[in-house]
ModelCIF file with pLDDT and N, C-alpha, C, O atoms, coordinates in Angstrom:
data_MODEL
#
_entry.id   MODEL 
#
_entity.id                         1 
_entity.type                       polymer 
_entity.pdbx_number_of_molecules   1 
#
_entity_poly.entity_id                      1 
_entity_poly.type                           'polypeptide(L)' 
_entity_poly.nstd_linkage                   no 
_entity_poly.nstd_monomer                   no 
_entity_poly.pdbx_seq_one_letter_code       IAERIANSNKKNNFSSNTFIGDVSS 
_entity_poly.pdbx_seq_one_letter_code_can   IAERIANSNKKNNFSSNTFIGDVSS 
_entity_poly.pdbx_strand_id                 A 
#
loop_
_entity_poly_seq.entity_id 
_entity_poly_seq.num 
_entity_poly_seq.mon_id 
_entity_poly_seq.hetero 
1 1  ILE n 
1 2  ALA n 
1 3  GLU n 
1 4  ARG n 
1 5  ILE n 
1 6  ALA n 
1 7  ASN n 
1 8  SER n 
1 9  ASN n 
1 10 LYS n 
1 11 LYS n 
1 12 ASN n 
1 13 ASN n 
1 14 PHE n 
1 15 SER n 
1 16 SER n 
1 17 ASN n 
1 18 THR n 
1 19 PHE n 
1 20 ILE n 
1 21 GLY n 
1 22 ASP n 
1 23 VAL n 
1 24 SER n 
1 25 SER n 
#
_struct_asym.id          A 
_struct_asym.entity_id   1 
#
loop_
_ma_qa_metric.id 
_ma_qa_metric.mode 
_ma_qa_metric.name 
_ma_qa_metric.software_group_id 
_ma_qa_metric.type 
1 global pLDDT . pLDDT 
2 local  pLDDT . pLDDT 
#
_ma_qa_metric_global.metric_id      1 
_ma_qa_metric_global.metric_value   87.68 
_ma_qa_metric_global.model_id       1 
_ma_qa_metric_global.ordinal_id     1 
#
loop_
_ma_qa_metric_local.label_asym_id 
_ma_qa_metric_local.label_comp_id 
_ma_qa_metric_local.label_seq_id 
_ma_qa_metric_local.metric_id 
_ma_qa_metric_local.metric_value 
_ma_qa_metric_local.model_id 
_ma_qa_metric_local.ordinal_id 
A ILE 1  2 93.00 1 1  
A ALA 2  2 92.00 1 2  
A GLU 3  2 91.00 1 3  
A ARG 4  2 89.00 1 4  
A ILE 5  2 90.00 1 5  
A ALA 6  2 88.00 1 6  
A ASN 7  2 87.00 1 7  
A SER 8  2 85.00 1 8  
A ASN 9  2 81.00 1 9  
A LYS 10 2 77.00 1 10 
A LYS 11 2 73.00 1 11 
A ASN 12 2 76.00 1 12 
A ASN 13 2 87.00 1 13 
A PHE 14 2 92.00 1 14 
A SER 15 2 92.00 1 15 
A SER 16 2 93.00 1 16 
A ASN 17 2 92.00 1 17 
A THR 18 2 93.00 1 18 
A PHE 19 2 94.00 1 19 
A ILE 20 2 93.00 1 20 
A GLY 21 2 89.00 1 21 
A ASP 22 2 88.00 1 22 
A VAL 23 2 89.00 1 23 
A SER 24 2 84.00 1 24 
A SER 25 2 84.00 1 25 
#
loop_
_atom_site.group_PDB 
_atom_site.id 
_atom_site.type_symbol 
_atom_site.label_atom_id 
_atom_site.label_alt_id 
_atom_site.label_comp_id 
_atom_site.label_asym_id 
_atom_site.label_entity_id 
_atom_site.label_seq_id 
_atom_site.pdbx_PDB_ins_code 
_atom_site.Cartn_x 
_atom_site.Cartn_y 
_atom_site.Cartn_z 
_atom_site.occupancy 
_atom_site.B_iso_or_equiv 
_atom_site.pdbx_formal_charge 
_atom_site.auth_seq_id 
_atom_site.auth_comp_id 
_atom_site.auth_asym_id 
_atom_site.auth_atom_id 
_atom_site.pdbx_PDB_model_num 
ATOM 1   N N  . ILE A 1 1  ? 7.259  2.617  -1.504  1.00 93.00 ? 1  ILE A N  1 
ATOM 2   C CA . ILE A 1 1  ? 6.336  2.610  -0.367  1.00 93.00 ? 1  ILE A CA 1 
ATOM 3   C C  . ILE A 1 1  ? 5.770  1.205  -0.150  1.00 93.00 ? 1  ILE A C  1 
ATOM 4   O O  . ILE A 1 1  ? 5.657  0.755  0.990   1.00 93.00 ? 1  ILE A O  1 
ATOM 5   N N  . ALA A 1 2  ? 5.414  0.512  -1.231  1.00 92.00 ? 2  ALA A N  1 
ATOM 6   C CA . ALA A 1 2  ? 4.874  -0.847 -1.111  1.00 92.00 ? 2  ALA A CA 1 
ATOM 7   C C  . ALA A 1 2  ? 5.872  -1.770 -0.421  1.00 92.00 ? 2  ALA A C  1 
ATOM 8   O O  . ALA A 1 2  ? 5.480  -2.629 0.369   1.00 92.00 ? 2  ALA A O  1 
ATOM 9   N N  . GLU A 1 3  ? 7.152  -1.600 -0.713  1.00 91.00 ? 3  GLU A N  1 
ATOM 10  C CA . GLU A 1 3  ? 8.183  -2.415 -0.067  1.00 91.00 ? 3  GLU A CA 1 
ATOM 11  C C  . GLU A 1 3  ? 8.259  -2.117 1.425   1.00 91.00 ? 3  GLU A C  1 
ATOM 12  O O  . GLU A 1 3  ? 8.432  -3.024 2.239   1.00 91.00 ? 3  GLU A O  1 
ATOM 13  N N  . ARG A 1 4  ? 8.128  -0.837 1.780   1.00 89.00 ? 4  ARG A N  1 
ATOM 14  C CA . ARG A 1 4  ? 8.152  -0.459 3.204   1.00 89.00 ? 4  ARG A CA 1 
ATOM 15  C C  . ARG A 1 4  ? 6.947  -1.042 3.944   1.00 89.00 ? 4  ARG A C  1 
ATOM 16  O O  . ARG A 1 4  ? 7.063  -1.475 5.090   1.00 89.00 ? 4  ARG A O  1 
ATOM 17  N N  . ILE A 1 5  ? 5.801  -1.049 3.284   1.00 90.00 ? 5  ILE A N  1 
ATOM 18  C CA . ILE A 1 5  ? 4.605  -1.622 3.908   1.00 90.00 ? 5  ILE A CA 1 
ATOM 19  C C  . ILE A 1 5  ? 4.789  -3.124 4.107   1.00 90.00 ? 5  ILE A C  1 
ATOM 20  O O  . ILE A 1 5  ? 4.451  -3.667 5.159   1.00 90.00 ? 5  ILE A O  1 
ATOM 21  N N  . ALA A 1 6  ? 5.322  -3.783 3.096   1.00 88.00 ? 6  ALA A N  1 
ATOM 22  C CA . ALA A 1 6  ? 5.551  -5.238 3.181   1.00 88.00 ? 6  ALA A CA 1 
ATOM 23  C C  . ALA A 1 6  ? 6.497  -5.588 4.320   1.00 88.00 ? 6  ALA A C  1 
ATOM 24  O O  . ALA A 1 6  ? 6.372  -6.653 4.923   1.00 88.00 ? 6  ALA A O  1 
ATOM 25  N N  . ASN A 1 7  ? 7.440  -4.703 4.620   1.00 87.00 ? 7  ASN A N  1 
ATOM 26  C CA . ASN A 1 7  ? 8.414  -4.959 5.688   1.00 87.00 ? 7  ASN A CA 1 
ATOM 27  C C  . ASN A 1 7  ? 7.992  -4.376 7.037   1.00 87.00 ? 7  ASN A C  1 
ATOM 28  O O  . ASN A 1 7  ? 8.756  -4.418 8.001   1.00 87.00 ? 7  ASN A O  1 
ATOM 29  N N  . SER A 1 8  ? 6.784  -3.836 7.102   1.00 85.00 ? 8  SER A N  1 
ATOM 30  C CA . SER A 1 8  ? 6.314  -3.240 8.359   1.00 85.00 ? 8  SER A CA 1 
ATOM 31  C C  . SER A 1 8  ? 5.735  -4.315 9.275   1.00 85.00 ? 8  SER A C  1 
ATOM 32  O O  . SER A 1 8  ? 5.641  -5.486 8.907   1.00 85.00 ? 8  SER A O  1 
ATOM 33  N N  . ASN A 1 9  ? 5.353  -3.891 10.470  1.00 81.00 ? 9  ASN A N  1 
ATOM 34  C CA . ASN A 1 9  ? 4.819  -4.820 11.467  1.00 81.00 ? 9  ASN A CA 1 
ATOM 35  C C  . ASN A 1 9  ? 3.294  -4.799 11.540  1.00 81.00 ? 9  ASN A C  1 
ATOM 36  O O  . ASN A 1 9  ? 2.717  -5.100 12.585  1.00 81.00 ? 9  ASN A O  1 
ATOM 37  N N  . LYS A 1 10 ? 2.639  -4.443 10.426  1.00 77.00 ? 10 LYS A N  1 
ATOM 38  C CA . LYS A 1 10 ? 1.173  -4.395 10.432  1.00 77.00 ? 10 LYS A CA 1 
ATOM 39  C C  . LYS A 1 10 ? 0.601  -5.804 10.587  1.00 77.00 ? 10 LYS A C  1 
ATOM 40  O O  . LYS A 1 10 ? 1.220  -6.795 10.201  1.00 77.00 ? 10 LYS A O  1 
ATOM 41  N N  . LYS A 1 11 ? -0.601 -5.861 11.165  1.00 73.00 ? 11 LYS A N  1 
ATOM 42  C CA . LYS A 1 11 ? -1.242 -7.154 11.443  1.00 73.00 ? 11 LYS A CA 1 
ATOM 43  C C  . LYS A 1 11 ? -1.758 -7.802 10.164  1.00 73.00 ? 11 LYS A C  1 
ATOM 44  O O  . LYS A 1 11 ? -1.783 -7.186 9.098   1.00 73.00 ? 11 LYS A O  1 
ATOM 45  N N  . ASN A 1 12 ? -2.170 -9.060 10.298  1.00 76.00 ? 12 ASN A N  1 
ATOM 46  C CA . ASN A 1 12 ? -2.657 -9.834 9.146   1.00 76.00 ? 12 ASN A CA 1 
ATOM 47  C C  . ASN A 1 12 ? -3.918 -9.251 8.519   1.00 76.00 ? 12 ASN A C  1 
ATOM 48  O O  . ASN A 1 12 ? -4.147 -9.429 7.323   1.00 76.00 ? 12 ASN A O  1 
ATOM 49  N N  . ASN A 1 13 ? -4.747 -8.551 9.312   1.00 87.00 ? 13 ASN A N  1 
ATOM 50  C CA . ASN A 1 13 ? -6.000 -8.008 8.764   1.00 87.00 ? 13 ASN A CA 1 
ATOM 51  C C  . ASN A 1 13 ? -5.799 -6.653 8.087   1.00 87.00 ? 13 ASN A C  1 
ATOM 52  O O  . ASN A 1 13 ? -6.768 -5.992 7.712   1.00 87.00 ? 13 ASN A O  1 
ATOM 53  N N  . PHE A 1 14 ? -4.535 -6.240 7.933   1.00 92.00 ? 14 PHE A N  1 
ATOM 54  C CA . PHE A 1 14 ? -4.214 -4.990 7.237   1.00 92.00 ? 14 PHE A CA 1 
ATOM 55  C C  . PHE A 1 14 ? -4.150 -5.247 5.733   1.00 92.00 ? 14 PHE A C  1 
ATOM 56  O O  . PHE A 1 14 ? -3.598 -6.254 5.290   1.00 92.00 ? 14 PHE A O  1 
ATOM 57  N N  . SER A 1 15 ? -4.726 -4.314 4.944   1.00 92.00 ? 15 SER A N  1 
ATOM 58  C CA . SER A 1 15 ? -4.656 -4.434 3.485   1.00 92.00 ? 15 SER A CA 1 
ATOM 59  C C  . SER A 1 15 ? -4.186 -3.121 2.881   1.00 92.00 ? 15 SER A C  1 
ATOM 60  O O  . SER A 1 15 ? -4.349 -2.057 3.479   1.00 92.00 ? 15 SER A O  1 
ATOM 61  N N  . SER A 1 16 ? -3.603 -3.205 1.699   1.00 93.00 ? 16 SER A N  1 
ATOM 62  C CA . SER A 1 16 ? -3.104 -2.024 1.022   1.00 93.00 ? 16 SER A CA 1 
ATOM 63  C C  . SER A 1 16 ? -3.211 -2.218 -0.482  1.00 93.00 ? 16 SER A C  1 
ATOM 64  O O  . SER A 1 16 ? -2.996 -3.314 -0.999  1.00 93.00 ? 16 SER A O  1 
ATOM 65  N N  . ASN A 1 17 ? -3.549 -1.129 -1.180  1.00 92.00 ? 17 ASN A N  1 
ATOM 66  C CA . ASN A 1 17 ? -3.642 -1.163 -2.631  1.00 92.00 ? 17 ASN A CA 1 
ATOM 67  C C  . ASN A 1 17 ? -2.848 -0.012 -3.221  1.00 92.00 ? 17 ASN A C  1 
ATOM 68  O O  . ASN A 1 17 ? -2.865 1.105  -2.702  1.00 92.00 ? 17 ASN A O  1 
ATOM 69  N N  . THR A 1 18 ? -2.157 -0.297 -4.308  1.00 93.00 ? 18 THR A N  1 
ATOM 70  C CA . THR A 1 18 ? -1.363 0.697  -5.014  1.00 93.00 ? 18 THR A CA 1 
ATOM 71  C C  . THR A 1 18 ? -2.060 1.056  -6.315  1.00 93.00 ? 18 THR A C  1 
ATOM 72  O O  . THR A 1 18 ? -2.459 0.174  -7.076  1.00 93.00 ? 18 THR A O  1 
ATOM 73  N N  . PHE A 1 19 ? -2.207 2.355  -6.572  1.00 94.00 ? 19 PHE A N  1 
ATOM 74  C CA . PHE A 1 19 ? -2.795 2.818  -7.830  1.00 94.00 ? 19 PHE A CA 1 
ATOM 75  C C  . PHE A 1 19 ? -1.807 3.759  -8.505  1.00 94.00 ? 19 PHE A C  1 
ATOM 76  O O  . PHE A 1 19 ? -1.269 4.664  -7.866  1.00 94.00 ? 19 PHE A O  1 
ATOM 77  N N  . ILE A 1 20 ? -1.572 3.547  -9.786  1.00 93.00 ? 20 ILE A N  1 
ATOM 78  C CA . ILE A 1 20 ? -0.717 4.461  -10.534 1.00 93.00 ? 20 ILE A CA 1 
ATOM 79  C C  . ILE A 1 20 ? -1.566 5.238  -11.522 1.00 93.00 ? 20 ILE A C  1 
ATOM 80  O O  . ILE A 1 20 ? -2.385 4.661  -12.237 1.00 93.00 ? 20 ILE A O  1 
ATOM 81  N N  . GLY A 1 21 ? -1.369 6.554  -11.559 1.00 89.00 ? 21 GLY A N  1 
ATOM 82  C CA . GLY A 1 21 ? -2.135 7.375  -12.485 1.00 89.00 ? 21 GLY A CA 1 
ATOM 83  C C  . GLY A 1 21 ? -2.345 8.778  -11.956 1.00 89.00 ? 21 GLY A C  1 
ATOM 84  O O  . GLY A 1 21 ? -1.895 9.130  -10.865 1.00 89.00 ? 21 GLY A O  1 
ATOM 85  N N  . ASP A 1 22 ? -3.032 9.562  -12.747 1.00 88.00 ? 22 ASP A N  1 
ATOM 86  C CA . ASP A 1 22 ? -3.371 10.943 -12.408 1.00 88.00 ? 22 ASP A CA 1 
ATOM 87  C C  . ASP A 1 22 ? -4.684 10.934 -11.631 1.00 88.00 ? 22 ASP A C  1 
ATOM 88  O O  . ASP A 1 22 ? -5.723 10.551 -12.170 1.00 88.00 ? 22 ASP A O  1 
ATOM 89  N N  . VAL A 1 23 ? -4.641 11.346 -10.394 1.00 89.00 ? 23 VAL A N  1 
ATOM 90  C CA . VAL A 1 23 ? -5.833 11.289 -9.546  1.00 89.00 ? 23 VAL A CA 1 
ATOM 91  C C  . VAL A 1 23 ? -6.974 12.124 -10.107 1.00 89.00 ? 23 VAL A C  1 
ATOM 92  O O  . VAL A 1 23 ? -8.140 11.839 -9.835  1.00 89.00 ? 23 VAL A O  1 
ATOM 93  N N  . SER A 1 24 ? -6.655 13.149 -10.886 1.00 84.00 ? 24 SER A N  1 
ATOM 94  C CA . SER A 1 24 ? -7.696 14.003 -11.447 1.00 84.00 ? 24 SER A CA 1 
ATOM 95  C C  . SER A 1 24 ? -8.639 13.255 -12.370 1.00 84.00 ? 24 SER A C  1 
ATOM 96  O O  . SER A 1 24 ? -9.791 13.656 -12.540 1.00 84.00 ? 24 SER A O  1 
ATOM 97  N N  . SER A 1 25 ? -8.157 12.161 -12.972 1.00 84.00 ? 25 SER A N  1 
ATOM 98  C CA . SER A 1 25 ? -8.996 11.408 -13.894 1.00 84.00 ? 25 SER A CA 1 
ATOM 99  C C  . SER A 1 25 ? -9.128 9.945  -13.491 1.00 84.00 ? 25 SER A C  1 
ATOM 100 O O  . SER A 1 25 ? -9.806 9.176  -14.172 1.00 84.00 ? 25 SER A O  1 
#
């Protein structure tokens, strides 16, 4: 997904963060 975001046409003021883990904790 991060690669798809990097190759998308989103503007410069767009930000994204990736978190790995169990959302429950």
